[in-house]
N, C-alpha and C. Protein backbone atom coordinates (compact mmCIF):
# COMPACT_ATOMS: atom_id res chain seq x y z
N GLU A 1 15.22 19.63 -30.41
CA GLU A 1 14.79 20.39 -29.26
C GLU A 1 14.21 21.74 -29.72
N LEU A 2 13.22 22.22 -29.01
CA LEU A 2 12.52 23.45 -29.36
C LEU A 2 13.44 24.67 -29.31
N ASN A 3 14.37 24.72 -28.39
CA ASN A 3 15.28 25.87 -28.31
C ASN A 3 16.26 25.91 -29.47
N ARG A 4 16.58 24.76 -30.05
CA ARG A 4 17.41 24.75 -31.25
C ARG A 4 16.63 25.33 -32.42
N LEU A 5 15.34 24.98 -32.52
CA LEU A 5 14.49 25.57 -33.55
C LEU A 5 14.41 27.08 -33.36
N LYS A 6 14.34 27.52 -32.13
CA LYS A 6 14.30 28.96 -31.82
C LYS A 6 15.56 29.65 -32.35
N ALA A 7 16.71 29.01 -32.18
CA ALA A 7 17.96 29.59 -32.65
C ALA A 7 18.03 29.63 -34.17
N LEU A 8 17.41 28.67 -34.83
CA LEU A 8 17.47 28.60 -36.29
C LEU A 8 16.49 29.54 -36.98
N CYS A 9 15.29 29.67 -36.43
CA CYS A 9 14.28 30.45 -37.17
C CYS A 9 13.62 31.56 -36.35
N ARG A 10 14.09 31.80 -35.12
CA ARG A 10 13.64 32.91 -34.28
C ARG A 10 12.21 32.77 -33.77
N VAL A 11 11.65 31.57 -33.79
CA VAL A 11 10.33 31.36 -33.20
C VAL A 11 10.43 31.65 -31.70
N GLY A 12 9.48 32.37 -31.16
CA GLY A 12 9.49 32.69 -29.74
C GLY A 12 10.32 33.90 -29.37
N MET A 13 10.78 34.66 -30.35
CA MET A 13 11.60 35.84 -30.07
C MET A 13 10.86 37.15 -30.30
N GLY A 14 9.56 37.08 -30.46
CA GLY A 14 8.78 38.30 -30.65
C GLY A 14 8.44 38.96 -29.33
N ARG A 15 7.53 39.91 -29.39
CA ARG A 15 7.16 40.65 -28.18
C ARG A 15 6.57 39.76 -27.10
N CYS A 16 5.87 38.70 -27.50
CA CYS A 16 5.23 37.83 -26.50
C CYS A 16 6.19 36.78 -25.94
N GLN A 17 7.42 36.70 -26.49
CA GLN A 17 8.44 35.76 -26.04
C GLN A 17 7.97 34.31 -26.06
N GLY A 18 7.17 33.95 -27.07
CA GLY A 18 6.75 32.58 -27.25
C GLY A 18 5.46 32.19 -26.58
N ARG A 19 4.82 33.11 -25.88
CA ARG A 19 3.57 32.77 -25.20
C ARG A 19 2.46 32.49 -26.22
N MET A 20 2.53 33.08 -27.39
CA MET A 20 1.50 32.85 -28.40
C MET A 20 1.88 31.69 -29.33
N CYS A 21 3.13 31.62 -29.75
CA CYS A 21 3.54 30.63 -30.75
C CYS A 21 4.28 29.43 -30.17
N GLY A 22 4.67 29.48 -28.92
CA GLY A 22 5.49 28.41 -28.35
C GLY A 22 4.83 27.04 -28.38
N ALA A 23 3.56 26.99 -27.99
CA ALA A 23 2.85 25.70 -27.98
C ALA A 23 2.65 25.17 -29.39
N ALA A 24 2.31 26.07 -30.32
CA ALA A 24 2.11 25.65 -31.71
C ALA A 24 3.42 25.15 -32.31
N ALA A 25 4.51 25.85 -32.05
CA ALA A 25 5.81 25.42 -32.56
C ALA A 25 6.20 24.05 -31.99
N ALA A 26 5.92 23.84 -30.71
CA ALA A 26 6.22 22.55 -30.09
C ALA A 26 5.41 21.43 -30.73
N GLU A 27 4.13 21.69 -31.00
CA GLU A 27 3.29 20.67 -31.63
C GLU A 27 3.76 20.36 -33.05
N ILE A 28 4.12 21.38 -33.81
CA ILE A 28 4.59 21.17 -35.18
C ILE A 28 5.89 20.38 -35.18
N LEU A 29 6.83 20.76 -34.32
CA LEU A 29 8.11 20.06 -34.24
C LEU A 29 7.92 18.61 -33.81
N ALA A 30 7.06 18.38 -32.82
CA ALA A 30 6.80 17.02 -32.35
C ALA A 30 6.17 16.17 -33.45
N ALA A 31 5.22 16.74 -34.18
CA ALA A 31 4.57 16.00 -35.27
C ALA A 31 5.58 15.67 -36.37
N HIS A 32 6.45 16.61 -36.67
CA HIS A 32 7.46 16.40 -37.72
C HIS A 32 8.45 15.30 -37.33
N ARG A 33 8.82 15.27 -36.05
CA ARG A 33 9.78 14.27 -35.58
C ARG A 33 9.12 12.96 -35.17
N GLY A 34 7.78 12.95 -35.02
CA GLY A 34 7.08 11.74 -34.62
C GLY A 34 7.27 11.39 -33.16
N VAL A 35 7.38 12.41 -32.32
CA VAL A 35 7.58 12.20 -30.88
C VAL A 35 6.49 12.95 -30.13
N PRO A 36 6.28 12.63 -28.85
CA PRO A 36 5.30 13.40 -28.06
C PRO A 36 5.77 14.84 -27.86
N VAL A 37 4.82 15.73 -27.63
CA VAL A 37 5.13 17.15 -27.44
C VAL A 37 6.09 17.35 -26.27
N GLU A 38 5.95 16.56 -25.23
CA GLU A 38 6.82 16.70 -24.06
C GLU A 38 8.29 16.43 -24.41
N ALA A 39 8.54 15.65 -25.46
CA ALA A 39 9.91 15.28 -25.82
C ALA A 39 10.69 16.41 -26.49
N VAL A 40 10.00 17.42 -27.02
CA VAL A 40 10.71 18.51 -27.71
C VAL A 40 11.11 19.64 -26.77
N GLY A 41 10.64 19.62 -25.55
CA GLY A 41 11.02 20.62 -24.56
C GLY A 41 10.18 21.88 -24.62
N ARG A 42 10.62 22.87 -23.86
CA ARG A 42 9.92 24.15 -23.79
C ARG A 42 10.90 25.26 -24.14
N LEU A 43 10.37 26.40 -24.57
CA LEU A 43 11.21 27.55 -24.86
C LEU A 43 11.75 28.13 -23.56
N ARG A 44 13.03 28.44 -23.55
CA ARG A 44 13.63 29.10 -22.39
C ARG A 44 13.47 30.60 -22.52
N GLY A 45 13.23 31.25 -21.40
CA GLY A 45 13.11 32.70 -21.40
C GLY A 45 14.47 33.36 -21.46
N GLN A 46 14.47 34.59 -21.88
CA GLN A 46 15.70 35.36 -21.97
C GLN A 46 15.74 36.36 -20.82
N ALA A 47 16.80 36.31 -20.05
CA ALA A 47 16.96 37.26 -18.95
C ALA A 47 17.27 38.64 -19.50
N PRO A 48 16.91 39.68 -18.76
CA PRO A 48 17.26 41.04 -19.21
C PRO A 48 18.77 41.20 -19.36
N VAL A 49 19.17 42.05 -20.27
CA VAL A 49 20.59 42.27 -20.49
C VAL A 49 21.24 42.85 -19.24
N LYS A 50 20.60 43.84 -18.63
CA LYS A 50 21.13 44.45 -17.42
C LYS A 50 19.96 44.80 -16.51
N PRO A 51 19.78 44.09 -15.40
CA PRO A 51 18.68 44.41 -14.50
C PRO A 51 18.87 45.80 -13.89
N ILE A 52 17.75 46.48 -13.67
CA ILE A 52 17.79 47.80 -13.04
C ILE A 52 16.91 47.79 -11.81
N PRO A 53 17.24 48.59 -10.80
CA PRO A 53 16.41 48.65 -9.61
C PRO A 53 15.03 49.24 -9.93
N VAL A 54 14.02 48.77 -9.24
CA VAL A 54 12.66 49.26 -9.45
C VAL A 54 12.58 50.74 -9.11
N ALA A 55 13.37 51.21 -8.15
CA ALA A 55 13.33 52.61 -7.74
C ALA A 55 13.65 53.55 -8.91
N ILE A 56 14.49 53.13 -9.82
CA ILE A 56 14.81 53.96 -10.98
C ILE A 56 13.58 54.15 -11.85
N GLU A 57 12.82 53.08 -12.07
CA GLU A 57 11.62 53.16 -12.89
C GLU A 57 10.50 53.89 -12.18
N ASP A 58 10.53 53.90 -10.86
CA ASP A 58 9.45 54.49 -10.07
C ASP A 58 9.62 55.99 -9.85
N THR A 59 10.81 56.51 -10.13
CA THR A 59 11.09 57.93 -9.89
C THR A 59 10.51 58.78 -11.01
N PRO A 60 9.68 59.80 -10.69
CA PRO A 60 9.13 60.65 -11.75
C PRO A 60 10.22 61.50 -12.39
N GLU A 61 10.05 61.78 -13.67
CA GLU A 61 11.02 62.62 -14.37
C GLU A 61 10.85 64.07 -13.93
N GLU A 62 11.96 64.79 -13.90
CA GLU A 62 11.92 66.20 -13.53
C GLU A 62 11.40 67.02 -14.72
N ALA A 63 10.62 68.04 -14.42
CA ALA A 63 10.12 68.92 -15.48
C ALA A 63 11.26 69.78 -16.00
N ALA A 64 11.35 69.89 -17.30
CA ALA A 64 12.45 70.67 -17.89
C ALA A 64 12.05 72.11 -18.08
């Protein structure tokens, strides 16, 4: 499975979260195993560690 490969070699853990390398990794893994690309699955996204309200990000910083 593609997510097991992610755990072993960190593919899909960069800034793009697998949007650039995810399809290529799936094709390589499928070719290596001799199965269709659909059989290796897709990379799962990582949820934020702690969600924050949008209002916090939208508030301007006070001048010091």
